[in-house]
Amino acid sequence: MNKSYIIINFKSKLVSIIYSLALITALLLSPVLLQAQVEKPEDVLKKVADEVYMLNELTIDVAEGTVTIPCKVNMNEGLLEVVLCTKEGKLHESLLSTTVTPLELQTALLLLGLDPVNEEPDDPAKADPLSNFTTIETPGDSVVMLLSMQRNGKSVTEPIENFVFDESVKKPLSNSTWLFRGPVMHRSGYMLIDPDVTMIATYSDPIALMELNSQSKYNDELFYVNKSKNLVIGEPVTLIIKTIK
C-alpha cells in the first residue's frame, strides 16, 4: 500500500479505509503490540460522530483535519528539547507527557492523509550506505499545533509556540510549523517506533515522529518553558495537531 492509495481513497471509502489503515499500520510497525486487538478493530478505533473517530484516547476529526491528544503538563520551567513524550520518554526535557503511544500518534497522522518525511526508497541504492537507516528523507507534510486548557472556568487555546521561550530573542517562539517525520527503518529490518521514541521534538532527533520545522531545531540550548504562562505540573491539557490546508 503506497501513500497515493491512502490519500486518494481515504475520504471516498472512509469507514473501511480507516479501520484497515489503523490495523495495517499498527501490524506493520509492531505486530505484537496489537495482537490481542486484531480480531476486534472496533475496540481499536470507533466512530463517535460524522467523520470523527476515537483511536483509543486520540480523537481524529477528518473534516477538520485534526488529531486531539490528552496530555499533562510535565514541566513549568527549564530547558526544553521535547514538546511531547510518554512516561518512558525524555521527561526531564519535555513540556508535556501523555499516555497516548507513538504508534497511535503515527497511525492517527496517517489516517489524516499526512505524508511523512521518512520513506523507504524504491531503489535501495538511494539509501545512505553509511547510515543505520534505510529510509530516506523526502519533503513530507507539516502541521500546526495548539494547546488547549482551562483558565478561570473558560477553555483557552493558543499556538504551542506561546509556551516555548526562545532564549536567542528573549521572547516566545514565533509561530511555526511542525514536520511529520514518521518512523525510520533500521537496517536490521525493524521500524523504530517504541514507547521511548520522542513524539514531538524542538531539538532535531532522527527518530522523533515530529519536530520543529526550523533551523533553530539544531540548537539544543535555545528553548525553555515560557514561565509567564504559569503552567502547573500535572495540569490536564489538550494538544491539537491540525493539518495545513
C-alpha atoms as a PDB file:
ATOM      1  CA  MET A   1       0.000   0.000   0.000  1.00  0.00           C
ATOM      2  CA  ASN A   2       1.593   3.299  -1.071  1.00  0.00           C
ATOM      3  CA  LYS A   3       0.854   6.840   0.019  1.00  0.00           C
ATOM      4  CA  SER A   4      -1.146   7.767  -3.078  1.00  0.00           C
ATOM      5  CA  TYR A   5      -3.579   4.943  -2.377  1.00  0.00           C
ATOM      6  CA  ILE A   6      -4.046   6.149   1.193  1.00  0.00           C
ATOM      7  CA  ILE A   7      -4.603   9.770   0.237  1.00  0.00           C
ATOM      8  CA  ILE A   8      -6.784   9.193  -2.807  1.00  0.00           C
ATOM      9  CA  ASN A   9      -9.032   6.554  -1.310  1.00  0.00           C
ATOM     10  CA  PHE A  10      -9.169   7.745   2.302  1.00  0.00           C
ATOM     11  CA  LYS A  11     -12.159  10.084   2.007  1.00  0.00           C
ATOM     12  CA  SER A  12     -14.055   8.130  -0.622  1.00  0.00           C
ATOM     13  CA  LYS A  13     -14.134   4.899   1.374  1.00  0.00           C
ATOM     14  CA  LEU A  14     -13.599   6.335   4.813  1.00  0.00           C
ATOM     15  CA  VAL A  15     -15.031   3.695   7.118  1.00  0.00           C
ATOM     16  CA  SER A  16     -13.354   0.683   5.517  1.00  0.00           C
ATOM     17  CA  ILE A  17     -10.072   2.505   4.955  1.00  0.00           C
ATOM     18  CA  ILE A  18      -9.930   3.954   8.447  1.00  0.00           C
ATOM     19  CA  TYR A  19     -10.257   0.513  10.057  1.00  0.00           C
ATOM     20  CA  SER A  20      -7.878  -1.224   7.707  1.00  0.00           C
ATOM     21  CA  LEU A  21      -5.289   1.559   7.850  1.00  0.00           C
ATOM     22  CA  ALA A  22      -5.242   1.617  11.628  1.00  0.00           C
ATOM     23  CA  LEU A  23      -4.754  -2.113  11.800  1.00  0.00           C
ATOM     24  CA  ILE A  24      -2.398  -2.482   8.855  1.00  0.00           C
ATOM     25  CA  THR A  25      -0.196   0.380  10.027  1.00  0.00           C
ATOM     26  CA  ALA A  26      -0.095  -0.977  13.558  1.00  0.00           C
ATOM     27  CA  LEU A  27       0.655  -4.502  12.429  1.00  0.00           C
ATOM     28  CA  LEU A  28       3.419  -3.389  10.088  1.00  0.00           C
ATOM     29  CA  LEU A  29       5.077  -1.336  12.791  1.00  0.00           C
ATOM     30  CA  SER A  30       4.500  -3.556  15.816  1.00  0.00           C
ATOM     31  CA  PRO A  31       2.787  -6.917  15.289  1.00  0.00           C
ATOM     32  CA  VAL A  32       2.934  -7.837  18.971  1.00  0.00           C
ATOM     33  CA  LEU A  33       1.515  -4.556  20.270  1.00  0.00           C
ATOM     34  CA  LEU A  34      -1.974  -5.029  18.833  1.00  0.00           C
ATOM     35  CA  GLN A  35      -2.049  -8.806  18.647  1.00  0.00           C
ATOM     36  CA  ALA A  36      -4.904  -9.014  21.134  1.00  0.00           C
ATOM     37  CA  GLN A  37      -6.932  -6.419  19.219  1.00  0.00           C
ATOM     38  CA  VAL A  38      -6.685  -7.743  15.676  1.00  0.00           C
ATOM     39  CA  GLU A  39      -9.966  -9.662  15.849  1.00  0.00           C
ATOM     40  CA  LYS A  40     -11.936  -6.630  17.042  1.00  0.00           C
ATOM     41  CA  PRO A  41     -10.975  -3.482  15.106  1.00  0.00           C
ATOM     42  CA  GLU A  42     -13.919  -1.673  16.694  1.00  0.00           C
ATOM     43  CA  ASP A  43     -12.045  -1.887  20.000  1.00  0.00           C
ATOM     44  CA  VAL A  44      -9.114  -0.006  18.466  1.00  0.00           C
ATOM     45  CA  LEU A  45     -10.928   2.729  16.573  1.00  0.00           C
ATOM     46  CA  LYS A  46     -14.541   3.856  16.998  1.00  0.00           C
ATOM     47  CA  LYS A  47     -16.733   6.272  15.085  1.00  0.00           C
ATOM     48  CA  VAL A  48     -18.213   8.780  17.546  1.00  0.00           C
ATOM     49  CA  ALA A  49     -19.725  11.321  15.114  1.00  0.00           C
ATOM     50  CA  ASP A  50     -19.820  12.126  11.424  1.00  0.00           C
ATOM     51  CA  GLU A  51     -16.166  11.984  10.301  1.00  0.00           C
ATOM     52  CA  VAL A  52     -14.970  11.899  13.920  1.00  0.00           C
ATOM     53  CA  TYR A  53     -13.190   8.827  15.308  1.00  0.00           C
ATOM     54  CA  MET A  54     -11.532   7.724  18.538  1.00  0.00           C
ATOM     55  CA  LEU A  55      -8.302   5.746  18.351  1.00  0.00           C
ATOM     56  CA  ASN A  56      -8.138   4.706  21.990  1.00  0.00           C
ATOM     57  CA  GLU A  57      -7.676   8.138  23.661  1.00  0.00           C
ATOM     58  CA  LEU A  58      -6.922  10.055  20.466  1.00  0.00           C
ATOM     59  CA  THR A  59      -9.677  11.969  18.673  1.00  0.00           C
ATOM     60  CA  ILE A  60      -9.394  12.166  14.877  1.00  0.00           C
ATOM     61  CA  ASP A  61     -11.617  14.698  13.110  1.00  0.00           C
ATOM     62  CA  VAL A  62     -11.301  14.056   9.397  1.00  0.00           C
ATOM     63  CA  ALA A  63     -13.422  17.027   8.331  1.00  0.00           C
ATOM     64  CA  GLU A  64     -11.410  19.466  10.463  1.00  0.00           C
ATOM     65  CA  GLY A  65      -8.098  17.727   9.788  1.00  0.00           C
ATOM     66  CA  THR A  66      -7.197  17.456  13.470  1.00  0.00           C
ATOM     67  CA  VAL A  67      -5.777  14.948  15.916  1.00  0.00           C
ATOM     68  CA  THR A  68      -6.522  15.759  19.572  1.00  0.00           C
ATOM     69  CA  ILE A  69      -4.221  14.325  22.253  1.00  0.00           C
ATOM     70  CA  PRO A  70      -4.952  14.343  26.008  1.00  0.00           C
ATOM     71  CA  CYS A  71      -1.806  15.381  27.898  1.00  0.00           C
ATOM     72  CA  LYS A  72      -0.500  16.650  31.198  1.00  0.00           C
ATOM     73  CA  VAL A  73       1.912  19.479  31.833  1.00  0.00           C
ATOM     74  CA  ASN A  74       5.266  17.880  32.628  1.00  0.00           C
ATOM     75  CA  MET A  75       7.446  20.985  33.087  1.00  0.00           C
ATOM     76  CA  ASN A  76       6.764  24.609  34.037  1.00  0.00           C
ATOM     77  CA  GLU A  77      10.366  25.809  33.794  1.00  0.00           C
ATOM     78  CA  GLY A  78      13.708  24.688  32.408  1.00  0.00           C
ATOM     79  CA  LEU A  79      15.424  23.711  29.173  1.00  0.00           C
ATOM     80  CA  LEU A  80      13.282  22.017  26.510  1.00  0.00           C
ATOM     81  CA  GLU A  81      14.194  19.603  23.734  1.00  0.00           C
ATOM     82  CA  VAL A  82      10.813  17.862  23.555  1.00  0.00           C
ATOM     83  CA  VAL A  83       7.204  19.013  23.333  1.00  0.00           C
ATOM     84  CA  LEU A  84       5.583  15.613  23.889  1.00  0.00           C
ATOM     85  CA  CYS A  85       6.625  12.149  25.035  1.00  0.00           C
ATOM     86  CA  THR A  86       5.314   9.251  27.098  1.00  0.00           C
ATOM     87  CA  LYS A  87       6.429   8.453  30.645  1.00  0.00           C
ATOM     88  CA  GLU A  88       9.088   6.191  29.111  1.00  0.00           C
ATOM     89  CA  GLY A  89      10.497   9.106  27.092  1.00  0.00           C
ATOM     90  CA  LYS A  90      12.667  12.137  27.855  1.00  0.00           C
ATOM     91  CA  LEU A  91      10.560  13.545  30.670  1.00  0.00           C
ATOM     92  CA  HIS A  92      13.477  15.593  32.021  1.00  0.00           C
ATOM     93  CA  GLU A  93      13.237  17.878  28.960  1.00  0.00           C
ATOM     94  CA  SER A  94       9.627  17.506  27.758  1.00  0.00           C
ATOM     95  CA  LEU A  95       6.932  20.166  28.094  1.00  0.00           C
ATOM     96  CA  LEU A  96       4.081  17.638  28.024  1.00  0.00           C
ATOM     97  CA  SER A  97       3.529  13.955  28.738  1.00  0.00           C
ATOM     98  CA  THR A  98       0.807  11.611  27.510  1.00  0.00           C
ATOM     99  CA  THR A  99      -0.416   8.040  27.812  1.00  0.00           C
ATOM    100  CA  VAL A 100      -1.024   8.006  24.044  1.00  0.00           C
ATOM    101  CA  THR A 101       1.635   5.850  22.375  1.00  0.00           C
ATOM    102  CA  PRO A 102       3.911   6.849  19.474  1.00  0.00           C
ATOM    103  CA  LEU A 103       2.298   4.053  17.457  1.00  0.00           C
ATOM    104  CA  GLU A 104      -1.169   5.538  17.989  1.00  0.00           C
ATOM    105  CA  LEU A 105       0.016   9.021  17.041  1.00  0.00           C
ATOM    106  CA  GLN A 106       1.728   7.720  13.903  1.00  0.00           C
ATOM    107  CA  THR A 107      -1.436   5.859  12.876  1.00  0.00           C
ATOM    108  CA  ALA A 108      -3.675   8.889  13.503  1.00  0.00           C
ATOM    109  CA  LEU A 109      -1.496  11.176  11.389  1.00  0.00           C
ATOM    110  CA  LEU A 110      -1.520   8.674   8.536  1.00  0.00           C
ATOM    111  CA  LEU A 111      -5.299   8.448   8.803  1.00  0.00           C
ATOM    112  CA  LEU A 112      -5.476  12.183   8.113  1.00  0.00           C
ATOM    113  CA  GLY A 113      -3.580  11.510   4.883  1.00  0.00           C
ATOM    114  CA  LEU A 114      -0.355  13.197   6.029  1.00  0.00           C
ATOM    115  CA  ASP A 115       2.812  12.326   4.151  1.00  0.00           C
ATOM    116  CA  PRO A 116       5.827  11.530   6.387  1.00  0.00           C
ATOM    117  CA  VAL A 117       9.361  12.700   5.638  1.00  0.00           C
ATOM    118  CA  ASN A 118      10.920   9.271   6.141  1.00  0.00           C
ATOM    119  CA  GLU A 119      10.201   6.820   3.327  1.00  0.00           C
ATOM    120  CA  GLU A 120      11.619   3.585   2.008  1.00  0.00           C
ATOM    121  CA  PRO A 121      13.165   4.359  -1.405  1.00  0.00           C
ATOM    122  CA  ASP A 122      12.032   2.464  -4.500  1.00  0.00           C
ATOM    123  CA  ASP A 123      15.702   1.872  -5.244  1.00  0.00           C
ATOM    124  CA  PRO A 124      17.664   0.643  -2.178  1.00  0.00           C
ATOM    125  CA  ALA A 125      20.783   2.228  -3.656  1.00  0.00           C
ATOM    126  CA  LYS A 126      19.304   5.638  -2.803  1.00  0.00           C
ATOM    127  CA  ALA A 127      19.747   4.934   0.906  1.00  0.00           C
ATOM    128  CA  ASP A 128      22.862   6.334   2.577  1.00  0.00           C
ATOM    129  CA  PRO A 129      25.297   3.392   2.908  1.00  0.00           C
ATOM    130  CA  LEU A 130      26.832   4.997   5.999  1.00  0.00           C
ATOM    131  CA  SER A 131      23.501   5.408   7.788  1.00  0.00           C
ATOM    132  CA  ASN A 132      21.958   2.961  10.236  1.00  0.00           C
ATOM    133  CA  PHE A 133      18.634   3.580   8.486  1.00  0.00           C
ATOM    134  CA  THR A 134      17.399   2.508   5.062  1.00  0.00           C
ATOM    135  CA  THR A 135      14.746   5.234   4.880  1.00  0.00           C
ATOM    136  CA  ILE A 136      15.492   8.441   3.019  1.00  0.00           C
ATOM    137  CA  GLU A 137      14.200  11.948   3.679  1.00  0.00           C
ATOM    138  CA  THR A 138      11.562  13.367   1.344  1.00  0.00           C
ATOM    139  CA  PRO A 139       9.711  16.724   1.593  1.00  0.00           C
ATOM    140  CA  GLY A 140       6.840  15.416   3.775  1.00  0.00           C
ATOM    141  CA  ASP A 141       3.972  17.378   5.321  1.00  0.00           C
ATOM    142  CA  SER A 142       3.924  19.965   8.083  1.00  0.00           C
ATOM    143  CA  VAL A 143       1.200  20.796  10.603  1.00  0.00           C
ATOM    144  CA  VAL A 144       0.358  23.467  13.155  1.00  0.00           C
ATOM    145  CA  MET A 145      -0.126  22.714  16.848  1.00  0.00           C
ATOM    146  CA  LEU A 146      -2.323  24.294  19.508  1.00  0.00           C
ATOM    147  CA  LEU A 147      -2.543  23.799  23.254  1.00  0.00           C
ATOM    148  CA  SER A 148      -5.944  23.979  24.951  1.00  0.00           C
ATOM    149  CA  MET A 149      -6.532  24.312  28.701  1.00  0.00           C
ATOM    150  CA  GLN A 150      -8.967  25.646  31.271  1.00  0.00           C
ATOM    151  CA  ARG A 151      -8.345  29.128  32.659  1.00  0.00           C
ATOM    152  CA  ASN A 152     -10.807  30.816  35.036  1.00  0.00           C
ATOM    153  CA  GLY A 153     -13.547  28.408  34.025  1.00  0.00           C
ATOM    154  CA  LYS A 154     -13.049  29.016  30.314  1.00  0.00           C
ATOM    155  CA  SER A 155     -11.347  26.995  27.597  1.00  0.00           C
ATOM    156  CA  VAL A 156      -8.298  28.795  26.229  1.00  0.00           C
ATOM    157  CA  THR A 157      -6.492  27.632  23.081  1.00  0.00           C
ATOM    158  CA  GLU A 158      -3.170  29.068  21.899  1.00  0.00           C
ATOM    159  CA  PRO A 159      -0.378  28.096  19.488  1.00  0.00           C
ATOM    160  CA  ILE A 160       2.027  25.695  21.173  1.00  0.00           C
ATOM    161  CA  GLU A 161       4.843  28.144  20.365  1.00  0.00           C
ATOM    162  CA  ASN A 162       3.477  30.543  23.005  1.00  0.00           C
ATOM    163  CA  PHE A 163       4.601  28.075  25.671  1.00  0.00           C
ATOM    164  CA  VAL A 164       8.170  27.789  24.345  1.00  0.00           C
ATOM    165  CA  PHE A 165      10.596  30.610  25.179  1.00  0.00           C
ATOM    166  CA  ASP A 166      13.297  31.368  22.597  1.00  0.00           C
ATOM    167  CA  GLU A 167      16.397  32.413  24.524  1.00  0.00           C
ATOM    168  CA  SER A 168      18.070  33.908  21.426  1.00  0.00           C
ATOM    169  CA  VAL A 169      15.450  36.649  21.092  1.00  0.00           C
ATOM    170  CA  LYS A 170      14.207  36.697  24.682  1.00  0.00           C
ATOM    171  CA  LYS A 171      10.581  36.074  23.742  1.00  0.00           C
ATOM    172  CA  PRO A 172       8.230  33.182  22.910  1.00  0.00           C
ATOM    173  CA  LEU A 173       8.965  31.105  19.842  1.00  0.00           C
ATOM    174  CA  SER A 174       7.486  32.717  16.735  1.00  0.00           C
ATOM    175  CA  ASN A 175       4.564  30.911  15.119  1.00  0.00           C
ATOM    176  CA  SER A 176       5.967  27.863  13.395  1.00  0.00           C
ATOM    177  CA  THR A 177       5.022  24.653  11.650  1.00  0.00           C
ATOM    178  CA  TRP A 178       5.946  21.150  12.755  1.00  0.00           C
ATOM    179  CA  LEU A 179       7.270  18.485  10.403  1.00  0.00           C
ATOM    180  CA  PHE A 180       5.768  14.988  10.299  1.00  0.00           C
ATOM    181  CA  ARG A 181       8.889  12.824  10.072  1.00  0.00           C
ATOM    182  CA  GLY A 182       7.364   9.416  10.768  1.00  0.00           C
ATOM    183  CA  PRO A 183       9.409   6.394  11.892  1.00  0.00           C
ATOM    184  CA  VAL A 184      12.685   5.265  10.351  1.00  0.00           C
ATOM    185  CA  MET A 185      13.523   1.774   9.146  1.00  0.00           C
ATOM    186  CA  HIS A 186      16.665   0.333  10.725  1.00  0.00           C
ATOM    187  CA  ARG A 187      18.994  -1.779   8.598  1.00  0.00           C
ATOM    188  CA  SER A 188      18.071  -4.726  10.790  1.00  0.00           C
ATOM    189  CA  GLY A 189      14.616  -4.574   9.171  1.00  0.00           C
ATOM    190  CA  TYR A 190      12.831  -3.183  12.227  1.00  0.00           C
ATOM    191  CA  MET A 191      10.807   0.022  12.198  1.00  0.00           C
ATOM    192  CA  LEU A 192      11.955   2.245  15.059  1.00  0.00           C
ATOM    193  CA  ILE A 193       8.800   3.213  16.894  1.00  0.00           C
ATOM    194  CA  ASP A 194       8.545   2.300  20.574  1.00  0.00           C
ATOM    195  CA  PRO A 195       7.428   3.910  23.845  1.00  0.00           C
ATOM    196  CA  ASP A 196      10.649   5.873  24.477  1.00  0.00           C
ATOM    197  CA  VAL A 197      10.798   7.386  20.992  1.00  0.00           C
ATOM    198  CA  THR A 198      10.319  11.159  21.186  1.00  0.00           C
ATOM    199  CA  MET A 199       6.930  12.015  19.739  1.00  0.00           C
ATOM    200  CA  ILE A 200       7.365  15.753  19.082  1.00  0.00           C
ATOM    201  CA  ALA A 201      10.761  17.461  19.385  1.00  0.00           C
ATOM    202  CA  THR A 202      12.030  21.042  19.441  1.00  0.00           C
ATOM    203  CA  TYR A 203      15.610  19.772  19.037  1.00  0.00           C
ATOM    204  CA  SER A 204      16.494  17.725  15.953  1.00  0.00           C
ATOM    205  CA  ASP A 205      16.156  13.988  16.593  1.00  0.00           C
ATOM    206  CA  PRO A 206      16.485  11.478  13.704  1.00  0.00           C
ATOM    207  CA  ILE A 207      13.927   9.124  15.246  1.00  0.00           C
ATOM    208  CA  ALA A 208      11.384  11.679  16.512  1.00  0.00           C
ATOM    209  CA  LEU A 209       7.956  11.292  14.900  1.00  0.00           C
ATOM    210  CA  MET A 210       7.584  15.084  14.577  1.00  0.00           C
ATOM    211  CA  GLU A 211       9.922  18.039  15.016  1.00  0.00           C
ATOM    212  CA  LEU A 212      10.082  21.813  14.758  1.00  0.00           C
ATOM    213  CA  ASN A 213      10.232  22.918  11.132  1.00  0.00           C
ATOM    214  CA  SER A 214      13.018  25.467  11.594  1.00  0.00           C
ATOM    215  CA  GLN A 215      16.801  25.724  11.512  1.00  0.00           C
ATOM    216  CA  SER A 216      16.550  26.592  15.215  1.00  0.00           C
ATOM    217  CA  LYS A 217      15.996  22.888  15.917  1.00  0.00           C
ATOM    218  CA  TYR A 218      19.756  22.314  15.650  1.00  0.00           C
ATOM    219  CA  ASN A 219      20.489  24.291  18.809  1.00  0.00           C
ATOM    220  CA  ASP A 220      19.921  22.254  21.976  1.00  0.00           C
ATOM    221  CA  GLU A 221      20.316  25.226  24.347  1.00  0.00           C
ATOM    222  CA  LEU A 222      17.834  27.587  22.724  1.00  0.00           C
ATOM    223  CA  PHE A 223      14.359  26.728  24.037  1.00  0.00           C
ATOM    224  CA  TYR A 224      12.940  26.898  27.543  1.00  0.00           C
ATOM    225  CA  VAL A 225       9.493  26.634  29.095  1.00  0.00           C
ATOM    226  CA  ASN A 226       7.766  30.015  28.931  1.00  0.00           C
ATOM    227  CA  LYS A 227       7.353  30.637  32.661  1.00  0.00           C
ATOM    228  CA  SER A 228       4.996  33.559  32.058  1.00  0.00           C
ATOM    229  CA  LYS A 229       2.253  31.083  31.038  1.00  0.00           C
ATOM    230  CA  ASN A 230       2.089  29.866  34.666  1.00  0.00           C
ATOM    231  CA  LEU A 231       1.698  26.207  33.784  1.00  0.00           C
ATOM    232  CA  VAL A 232       1.050  23.811  36.643  1.00  0.00           C
ATOM    233  CA  ILE A 233       2.835  20.458  36.636  1.00  0.00           C
ATOM    234  CA  GLY A 234       0.263  17.689  36.302  1.00  0.00           C
ATOM    235  CA  GLU A 235      -2.363  20.044  34.878  1.00  0.00           C
ATOM    236  CA  PRO A 236      -4.529  18.318  32.224  1.00  0.00           C
ATOM    237  CA  VAL A 237      -4.267  19.981  28.814  1.00  0.00           C
ATOM    238  CA  THR A 238      -5.081  19.051  25.230  1.00  0.00           C
ATOM    239  CA  LEU A 239      -2.635  19.162  22.333  1.00  0.00           C
ATOM    240  CA  ILE A 240      -4.275  19.701  18.946  1.00  0.00           C
ATOM    241  CA  ILE A 241      -2.428  18.823  15.740  1.00  0.00           C
ATOM    242  CA  LYS A 242      -4.007  20.448  12.686  1.00  0.00           C
ATOM    243  CA  THR A 243      -3.314  19.925   9.009  1.00  0.00           C
ATOM    244  CA  ILE A 244      -2.421  22.912   6.858  1.00  0.00           C
ATOM    245  CA  LYS A 245      -4.930  23.417   4.053  1.00  0.00           C
END
